[in-house]
Every structure is written in C-alpha cells, then in structure tokens.
C-alpha cells in the first residue's frame, strides 16, 4: 500500500493498531495509533459508543442460550458443566441456559435494595415515581453492575428480554425434557437394532 509514494505498514500488537510511514530519506518511522477499549470509545473520531463494544449484548446471549438448549436436547441430563466457574456446582446445559436468562432478566428487575441495575447511578430513574417503572432498552450493559450503556432505544435486540422471561416456564421445560426423552428412546431403539444386525446387513430406520 502506498500514500504519497511512501510505503505504509500496518500491525496490530495487543489491542493497538499502529501505522508507520517510512520515507526514503529517513530510517525512522512515524507511529500513529489509537487504542481499542472494551467499552466506550475514548475518542469520538470512530463513532463514540457505536463500535459494538461492551460486555453484555442481548443478541449474543440469545444465540448462546439457543445453542445450549439445542446441545441439551442431544446430551440430556447425563452431561453437566461447572457453573459458575470455580463454584464446584455442576449443572446441565439446560440449567446453564436458565441461569444466563435469570442473570439477563435481573438487569431489569429491582434488587433487594429496590434499585434496577440498568438505571445505574441515575437517581431520577431509580427513585422518581414518574420514571422508575418506565424501563429503557439500552444498547448494551456494564459487565460489573448491569448499568445500561449506549443508545437507550435498542428494542430491536434488547427487547429480546421479553421472550426470554417466558422461556423457562414449567410448560416449556416439560416440552424440552419430553423431547430429550423421545430422542433417548429413539437412540436406544437404534442401538438395539444395531446389536441385532447380521454381518453385512444394514439397519432400517
């Protein structure tokens, strides 16, 4: 790549993108760089908070939840993982998905102190009776305290909290477990057929 007849070299050490311009008459390079923050941008040059940065994004979590439920439909109750990490407590993948939903929902619900995490330190939203029950659907959320960050009208994806709240009803869980049991029965039947199979004979499903 060339600009003003000078070669441009780019590299990305760590989270910094560095550009160096080398001139024919100089052996040194001019380094220009900008940092990459995992939250709000430190400069408005690159769009402020519109850079898809932030710890908690609802669409990403929904994809994860769906994947866990699909994997549970295959592995069932026999496969567990430690959740939370380091707790020594093990859960099925369905239980892990339910735990993630609980955490996401808790961002919008009042805690033991009567405060909603999504409103952060904005006292008017936390305590004013004219505002405290009017929930905002922020673009993404702070990873430590759940405070809303970015645009506050992202109902297109943060509104996914609504179907998530209805996801783990007793009726839904019963349907999922019934599907898993049906899959287990089908697998057992296929295994029985394979054990009865004669050499060279194919099993008919």
C-alpha atoms as a PDB file:
ATOM      1  CA  UNK A   1       0.000   0.000   0.000  1.00  0.00           C
ATOM      2  CA  UNK A   2       1.338   3.450  -0.891  1.00  0.00           C
ATOM      3  CA  UNK A   3       0.460   7.022   0.064  1.00  0.00           C
ATOM      4  CA  UNK A   4       2.431   9.973  -1.344  1.00  0.00           C
ATOM      5  CA  UNK A   5       4.886   7.418  -2.761  1.00  0.00           C
ATOM      6  CA  UNK A   6       5.729   6.221   0.760  1.00  0.00           C
ATOM      7  CA  UNK A   7       5.020   2.636   1.871  1.00  0.00           C
ATOM      8  CA  UNK A   8       2.524   2.162   4.677  1.00  0.00           C
ATOM      9  CA  UNK A   9       2.955  -0.810   7.033  1.00  0.00           C
ATOM     10  CA  UNK A  10       0.281  -1.865   9.476  1.00  0.00           C
ATOM     11  CA  UNK A  11       0.485  -4.108  12.504  1.00  0.00           C
ATOM     12  CA  UNK A  12      -1.784  -4.889  15.446  1.00  0.00           C
ATOM     13  CA  UNK A  13       0.185  -5.535  18.634  1.00  0.00           C
ATOM     14  CA  UNK A  14      -2.144  -6.298  21.520  1.00  0.00           C
ATOM     15  CA  UNK A  15      -5.188  -4.015  21.233  1.00  0.00           C
ATOM     16  CA  UNK A  16      -3.447  -1.184  19.434  1.00  0.00           C
ATOM     17  CA  UNK A  17      -3.392  -0.652  15.679  1.00  0.00           C
ATOM     18  CA  UNK A  18      -0.161   1.043  14.634  1.00  0.00           C
ATOM     19  CA  UNK A  19       0.625   2.670  11.306  1.00  0.00           C
ATOM     20  CA  UNK A  20       4.164   3.517  10.293  1.00  0.00           C
ATOM     21  CA  UNK A  21       5.145   5.742   7.383  1.00  0.00           C
ATOM     22  CA  UNK A  22       8.657   5.201   6.076  1.00  0.00           C
ATOM     23  CA  UNK A  23      10.285   7.906   3.957  1.00  0.00           C
ATOM     24  CA  UNK A  24      13.201   7.213   1.595  1.00  0.00           C
ATOM     25  CA  UNK A  25      15.403   9.826   3.284  1.00  0.00           C
ATOM     26  CA  UNK A  26      14.792   8.752   6.892  1.00  0.00           C
ATOM     27  CA  UNK A  27      15.414   5.483   8.678  1.00  0.00           C
ATOM     28  CA  UNK A  28      12.939   6.250  11.451  1.00  0.00           C
ATOM     29  CA  UNK A  29       9.185   5.819  11.251  1.00  0.00           C
ATOM     30  CA  UNK A  30       6.300   7.936  12.438  1.00  0.00           C
ATOM     31  CA  UNK A  31       3.908   5.874  14.504  1.00  0.00           C
ATOM     32  CA  UNK A  32       0.229   6.754  14.606  1.00  0.00           C
ATOM     33  CA  UNK A  33      -2.114   4.684  16.715  1.00  0.00           C
ATOM     34  CA  UNK A  34      -5.397   4.522  18.549  1.00  0.00           C
ATOM     35  CA  UNK A  35      -6.400   2.378  21.470  1.00  0.00           C
ATOM     36  CA  UNK A  36      -9.157  -0.201  21.459  1.00  0.00           C
ATOM     37  CA  UNK A  37     -11.254  -0.042  24.591  1.00  0.00           C
ATOM     38  CA  UNK A  38     -13.639  -2.871  25.559  1.00  0.00           C
ATOM     39  CA  UNK A  39     -16.353  -0.313  26.383  1.00  0.00           C
ATOM     40  CA  UNK A  40     -16.934   3.325  25.423  1.00  0.00           C
ATOM     41  CA  UNK A  41     -14.566   4.707  22.820  1.00  0.00           C
ATOM     42  CA  UNK A  42     -12.023   7.165  24.201  1.00  0.00           C
ATOM     43  CA  UNK A  43     -12.455   9.368  21.128  1.00  0.00           C
ATOM     44  CA  UNK A  44     -15.403  10.498  19.044  1.00  0.00           C
ATOM     45  CA  UNK A  45     -13.396  10.056  15.858  1.00  0.00           C
ATOM     46  CA  UNK A  46     -14.588   6.494  15.379  1.00  0.00           C
ATOM     47  CA  UNK A  47     -18.233   6.885  16.273  1.00  0.00           C
ATOM     48  CA  UNK A  48     -18.246   7.208  20.050  1.00  0.00           C
ATOM     49  CA  UNK A  49     -20.198   4.316  21.540  1.00  0.00           C
ATOM     50  CA  UNK A  50     -21.317   2.829  18.203  1.00  0.00           C
ATOM     51  CA  UNK A  51     -18.390   0.435  17.849  1.00  0.00           C
ATOM     52  CA  UNK A  52     -20.053  -2.746  19.115  1.00  0.00           C
ATOM     53  CA  UNK A  53     -18.122  -2.604  22.352  1.00  0.00           C
ATOM     54  CA  UNK A  54     -19.316  -3.678  25.742  1.00  0.00           C
ATOM     55  CA  UNK A  55     -19.513  -6.754  27.925  1.00  0.00           C
ATOM     56  CA  UNK A  56     -23.243  -7.668  27.807  1.00  0.00           C
ATOM     57  CA  UNK A  57     -25.111  -7.808  24.495  1.00  0.00           C
ATOM     58  CA  UNK A  58     -28.538  -9.445  24.365  1.00  0.00           C
ATOM     59  CA  UNK A  59     -28.375 -10.871  20.820  1.00  0.00           C
ATOM     60  CA  UNK A  60     -25.081 -12.635  21.564  1.00  0.00           C
ATOM     61  CA  UNK A  61     -26.527 -14.127  24.754  1.00  0.00           C
ATOM     62  CA  UNK A  62     -29.676 -15.283  22.957  1.00  0.00           C
ATOM     63  CA  UNK A  63     -27.566 -17.155  20.394  1.00  0.00           C
ATOM     64  CA  UNK A  64     -25.639 -18.762  23.268  1.00  0.00           C
ATOM     65  CA  UNK A  65     -28.839 -19.727  25.101  1.00  0.00           C
ATOM     66  CA  UNK A  66     -30.309 -21.287  21.981  1.00  0.00           C
ATOM     67  CA  UNK A  67     -27.103 -23.248  21.386  1.00  0.00           C
ATOM     68  CA  UNK A  68     -27.109 -24.583  24.954  1.00  0.00           C
ATOM     69  CA  UNK A  69     -30.725 -25.737  24.643  1.00  0.00           C
ATOM     70  CA  UNK A  70     -30.005 -27.491  21.347  1.00  0.00           C
ATOM     71  CA  UNK A  71     -26.970 -29.232  22.836  1.00  0.00           C
ATOM     72  CA  UNK A  72     -29.038 -30.256  25.857  1.00  0.00           C
ATOM     73  CA  UNK A  73     -31.567 -31.864  23.517  1.00  0.00           C
ATOM     74  CA  UNK A  74     -28.745 -34.172  22.430  1.00  0.00           C
ATOM     75  CA  UNK A  75     -26.792 -34.739  25.661  1.00  0.00           C
ATOM     76  CA  UNK A  76     -29.708 -34.595  28.085  1.00  0.00           C
ATOM     77  CA  UNK A  77     -29.233 -34.906  31.842  1.00  0.00           C
ATOM     78  CA  UNK A  78     -26.067 -37.006  31.578  1.00  0.00           C
ATOM     79  CA  UNK A  79     -23.777 -34.116  30.617  1.00  0.00           C
ATOM     80  CA  UNK A  80     -23.019 -31.371  33.158  1.00  0.00           C
ATOM     81  CA  UNK A  81     -20.586 -28.464  33.411  1.00  0.00           C
ATOM     82  CA  UNK A  82     -19.361 -26.376  36.315  1.00  0.00           C
ATOM     83  CA  UNK A  83     -21.472 -23.242  36.700  1.00  0.00           C
ATOM     84  CA  UNK A  84     -20.490 -20.696  37.871  1.00  0.00           C
ATOM     85  CA  UNK A  85     -16.854 -21.409  37.085  1.00  0.00           C
ATOM     86  CA  UNK A  86     -14.929 -22.278  40.231  1.00  0.00           C
ATOM     87  CA  UNK A  87     -18.054 -22.895  42.304  1.00  0.00           C
ATOM     88  CA  UNK A  88     -17.834 -26.681  42.345  1.00  0.00           C
ATOM     89  CA  UNK A  89     -21.528 -26.727  41.375  1.00  0.00           C
ATOM     90  CA  UNK A  90     -22.470 -28.654  38.246  1.00  0.00           C
ATOM     91  CA  UNK A  91     -25.469 -28.033  36.008  1.00  0.00           C
ATOM     92  CA  UNK A  92     -26.949 -29.495  32.865  1.00  0.00           C
ATOM     93  CA  UNK A  93     -26.737 -27.336  29.749  1.00  0.00           C
ATOM     94  CA  UNK A  94     -30.426 -26.531  30.126  1.00  0.00           C
ATOM     95  CA  UNK A  95     -29.824 -25.306  33.668  1.00  0.00           C
ATOM     96  CA  UNK A  96     -26.902 -23.185  32.459  1.00  0.00           C
ATOM     97  CA  UNK A  97     -29.156 -21.606  29.831  1.00  0.00           C
ATOM     98  CA  UNK A  98     -31.740 -20.916  32.527  1.00  0.00           C
ATOM     99  CA  UNK A  99     -29.075 -19.320  34.743  1.00  0.00           C
ATOM    100  CA  UNK A 100     -27.999 -16.995  31.919  1.00  0.00           C
ATOM    101  CA  UNK A 101     -31.635 -15.975  31.374  1.00  0.00           C
ATOM    102  CA  UNK A 102     -32.000 -15.288  35.107  1.00  0.00           C
ATOM    103  CA  UNK A 103     -28.946 -13.035  35.074  1.00  0.00           C
ATOM    104  CA  UNK A 104     -30.120 -11.148  31.997  1.00  0.00           C
ATOM    105  CA  UNK A 105     -33.586 -10.619  33.474  1.00  0.00           C
ATOM    106  CA  UNK A 106     -32.111  -9.395  36.763  1.00  0.00           C
ATOM    107  CA  UNK A 107     -30.722  -6.373  34.911  1.00  0.00           C
ATOM    108  CA  UNK A 108     -34.281  -5.057  34.590  1.00  0.00           C
ATOM    109  CA  UNK A 109     -35.727  -6.221  37.904  1.00  0.00           C
ATOM    110  CA  UNK A 110     -35.499  -4.449  41.249  1.00  0.00           C
ATOM    111  CA  UNK A 111     -32.865  -5.899  43.542  1.00  0.00           C
ATOM    112  CA  UNK A 112     -33.029  -6.276  47.317  1.00  0.00           C
ATOM    113  CA  UNK A 113     -32.446  -2.531  47.664  1.00  0.00           C
ATOM    114  CA  UNK A 114     -35.309  -1.687  45.326  1.00  0.00           C
ATOM    115  CA  UNK A 115     -32.997  -0.493  42.542  1.00  0.00           C
ATOM    116  CA  UNK A 116     -32.879  -1.650  38.934  1.00  0.00           C
ATOM    117  CA  UNK A 117     -29.321  -2.350  37.736  1.00  0.00           C
ATOM    118  CA  UNK A 118     -29.987  -0.981  34.234  1.00  0.00           C
ATOM    119  CA  UNK A 119     -30.532   2.543  35.616  1.00  0.00           C
ATOM    120  CA  UNK A 120     -27.086   2.589  37.196  1.00  0.00           C
ATOM    121  CA  UNK A 121     -26.444   5.731  39.217  1.00  0.00           C
ATOM    122  CA  UNK A 122     -29.165   7.856  37.599  1.00  0.00           C
ATOM    123  CA  UNK A 123     -31.147   8.695  40.707  1.00  0.00           C
ATOM    124  CA  UNK A 124     -34.159  10.122  38.878  1.00  0.00           C
ATOM    125  CA  UNK A 125     -34.706   6.828  37.056  1.00  0.00           C
ATOM    126  CA  UNK A 126     -34.098   4.846  40.236  1.00  0.00           C
ATOM    127  CA  UNK A 127     -36.399   6.699  42.638  1.00  0.00           C
ATOM    128  CA  UNK A 128     -38.675   9.170  40.857  1.00  0.00           C
ATOM    129  CA  UNK A 129     -42.176   7.597  40.731  1.00  0.00           C
ATOM    130  CA  UNK A 130     -42.724   9.178  37.312  1.00  0.00           C
ATOM    131  CA  UNK A 131     -39.664   7.435  35.858  1.00  0.00           C
ATOM    132  CA  UNK A 132     -38.690   4.356  37.866  1.00  0.00           C
ATOM    133  CA  UNK A 133     -41.169   1.980  36.197  1.00  0.00           C
ATOM    134  CA  UNK A 134     -40.519   3.171  32.636  1.00  0.00           C
ATOM    135  CA  UNK A 135     -37.844   0.739  31.515  1.00  0.00           C
ATOM    136  CA  UNK A 136     -35.299   1.621  28.863  1.00  0.00           C
ATOM    137  CA  UNK A 137     -33.822  -0.909  26.453  1.00  0.00           C
ATOM    138  CA  UNK A 138     -30.179   0.074  26.309  1.00  0.00           C
ATOM    139  CA  UNK A 139     -27.813  -0.925  23.536  1.00  0.00           C
ATOM    140  CA  UNK A 140     -25.614  -2.961  25.877  1.00  0.00           C
ATOM    141  CA  UNK A 141     -24.826  -3.207  29.584  1.00  0.00           C
ATOM    142  CA  UNK A 142     -21.944  -2.815  32.008  1.00  0.00           C
ATOM    143  CA  UNK A 143     -20.386  -6.168  32.839  1.00  0.00           C
ATOM    144  CA  UNK A 144     -19.940  -5.496  36.570  1.00  0.00           C
ATOM    145  CA  UNK A 145     -23.066  -3.606  37.638  1.00  0.00           C
ATOM    146  CA  UNK A 146     -25.523  -4.090  34.755  1.00  0.00           C
ATOM    147  CA  UNK A 147     -25.934  -0.352  34.066  1.00  0.00           C
ATOM    148  CA  UNK A 148     -27.306   0.486  30.637  1.00  0.00           C
ATOM    149  CA  UNK A 149     -24.786   1.902  28.160  1.00  0.00           C
ATOM    150  CA  UNK A 150     -25.099   3.371  24.697  1.00  0.00           C
ATOM    151  CA  UNK A 151     -28.371   4.153  22.966  1.00  0.00           C
ATOM    152  CA  UNK A 152     -31.438   3.644  25.149  1.00  0.00           C
ATOM    153  CA  UNK A 153     -33.901   2.708  22.398  1.00  0.00           C
ATOM    154  CA  UNK A 154     -32.496  -0.622  21.207  1.00  0.00           C
ATOM    155  CA  UNK A 155     -35.771  -2.533  21.489  1.00  0.00           C
ATOM    156  CA  UNK A 156     -34.859  -4.404  18.306  1.00  0.00           C
ATOM    157  CA  UNK A 157     -32.453  -6.653  20.221  1.00  0.00           C
ATOM    158  CA  UNK A 158     -32.559  -5.748  23.909  1.00  0.00           C
ATOM    159  CA  UNK A 159     -36.317  -6.276  23.715  1.00  0.00           C
ATOM    160  CA  UNK A 160     -35.406  -9.968  23.490  1.00  0.00           C
ATOM    161  CA  UNK A 161     -35.624  -9.923  27.276  1.00  0.00           C
ATOM    162  CA  UNK A 162     -39.418 -10.259  26.899  1.00  0.00           C
ATOM    163  CA  UNK A 163     -39.447 -13.721  25.233  1.00  0.00           C
ATOM    164  CA  UNK A 164     -36.566 -14.790  27.475  1.00  0.00           C
ATOM    165  CA  UNK A 165     -38.738 -14.164  30.545  1.00  0.00           C
ATOM    166  CA  UNK A 166     -41.316 -16.584  29.135  1.00  0.00           C
ATOM    167  CA  UNK A 167     -38.794 -19.170  28.001  1.00  0.00           C
ATOM    168  CA  UNK A 168     -38.342 -21.225  31.164  1.00  0.00           C
ATOM    169  CA  UNK A 169     -41.931 -21.733  32.198  1.00  0.00           C
ATOM    170  CA  UNK A 170     -42.829 -25.183  33.611  1.00  0.00           C
ATOM    171  CA  UNK A 171     -44.712 -25.967  30.403  1.00  0.00           C
ATOM    172  CA  UNK A 172     -41.697 -25.155  28.234  1.00  0.00           C
ATOM    173  CA  UNK A 173     -39.316 -27.163  30.386  1.00  0.00           C
ATOM    174  CA  UNK A 174     -41.652 -30.140  30.230  1.00  0.00           C
ATOM    175  CA  UNK A 175     -41.696 -29.966  26.418  1.00  0.00           C
ATOM    176  CA  UNK A 176     -37.901 -29.824  26.270  1.00  0.00           C
ATOM    177  CA  UNK A 177     -37.468 -32.775  28.620  1.00  0.00           C
ATOM    178  CA  UNK A 178     -40.112 -34.769  26.742  1.00  0.00           C
ATOM    179  CA  UNK A 179     -38.208 -34.148  23.503  1.00  0.00           C
ATOM    180  CA  UNK A 180     -34.982 -35.327  25.153  1.00  0.00           C
ATOM    181  CA  UNK A 181     -36.663 -38.494  26.441  1.00  0.00           C
ATOM    182  CA  UNK A 182     -38.079 -39.194  22.995  1.00  0.00           C
ATOM    183  CA  UNK A 183     -34.615 -38.759  21.488  1.00  0.00           C
ATOM    184  CA  UNK A 184     -33.129 -41.129  24.078  1.00  0.00           C
ATOM    185  CA  UNK A 185     -35.764 -43.752  23.315  1.00  0.00           C
ATOM    186  CA  UNK A 186     -35.068 -43.458  19.583  1.00  0.00           C
ATOM    187  CA  UNK A 187     -31.320 -43.793  20.178  1.00  0.00           C
ATOM    188  CA  UNK A 188     -31.886 -46.880  22.349  1.00  0.00           C
ATOM    189  CA  UNK A 189     -34.055 -48.425  19.652  1.00  0.00           C
ATOM    190  CA  UNK A 190     -31.387 -47.771  17.001  1.00  0.00           C
ATOM    191  CA  UNK A 191     -28.713 -49.267  19.234  1.00  0.00           C
ATOM    192  CA  UNK A 192     -30.849 -52.364  19.783  1.00  0.00           C
ATOM    193  CA  UNK A 193     -31.260 -52.773  16.039  1.00  0.00           C
ATOM    194  CA  UNK A 194     -27.535 -52.452  15.517  1.00  0.00           C
ATOM    195  CA  UNK A 195     -26.826 -55.101  18.136  1.00  0.00           C
ATOM    196  CA  UNK A 196     -29.233 -57.475  16.365  1.00  0.00           C
ATOM    197  CA  UNK A 197     -27.810 -56.677  12.943  1.00  0.00           C
ATOM    198  CA  UNK A 198     -26.260 -59.542  11.000  1.00  0.00           C
ATOM    199  CA  UNK A 199     -22.861 -59.008   9.363  1.00  0.00           C
ATOM    200  CA  UNK A 200     -23.284 -57.111   6.092  1.00  0.00           C
ATOM    201  CA  UNK A 201     -26.913 -56.229   6.831  1.00  0.00           C
ATOM    202  CA  UNK A 202     -27.973 -52.577   7.019  1.00  0.00           C
ATOM    203  CA  UNK A 203     -30.315 -51.362   9.712  1.00  0.00           C
ATOM    204  CA  UNK A 204     -33.541 -49.806   8.515  1.00  0.00           C
ATOM    205  CA  UNK A 205     -34.534 -46.715  10.490  1.00  0.00           C
END
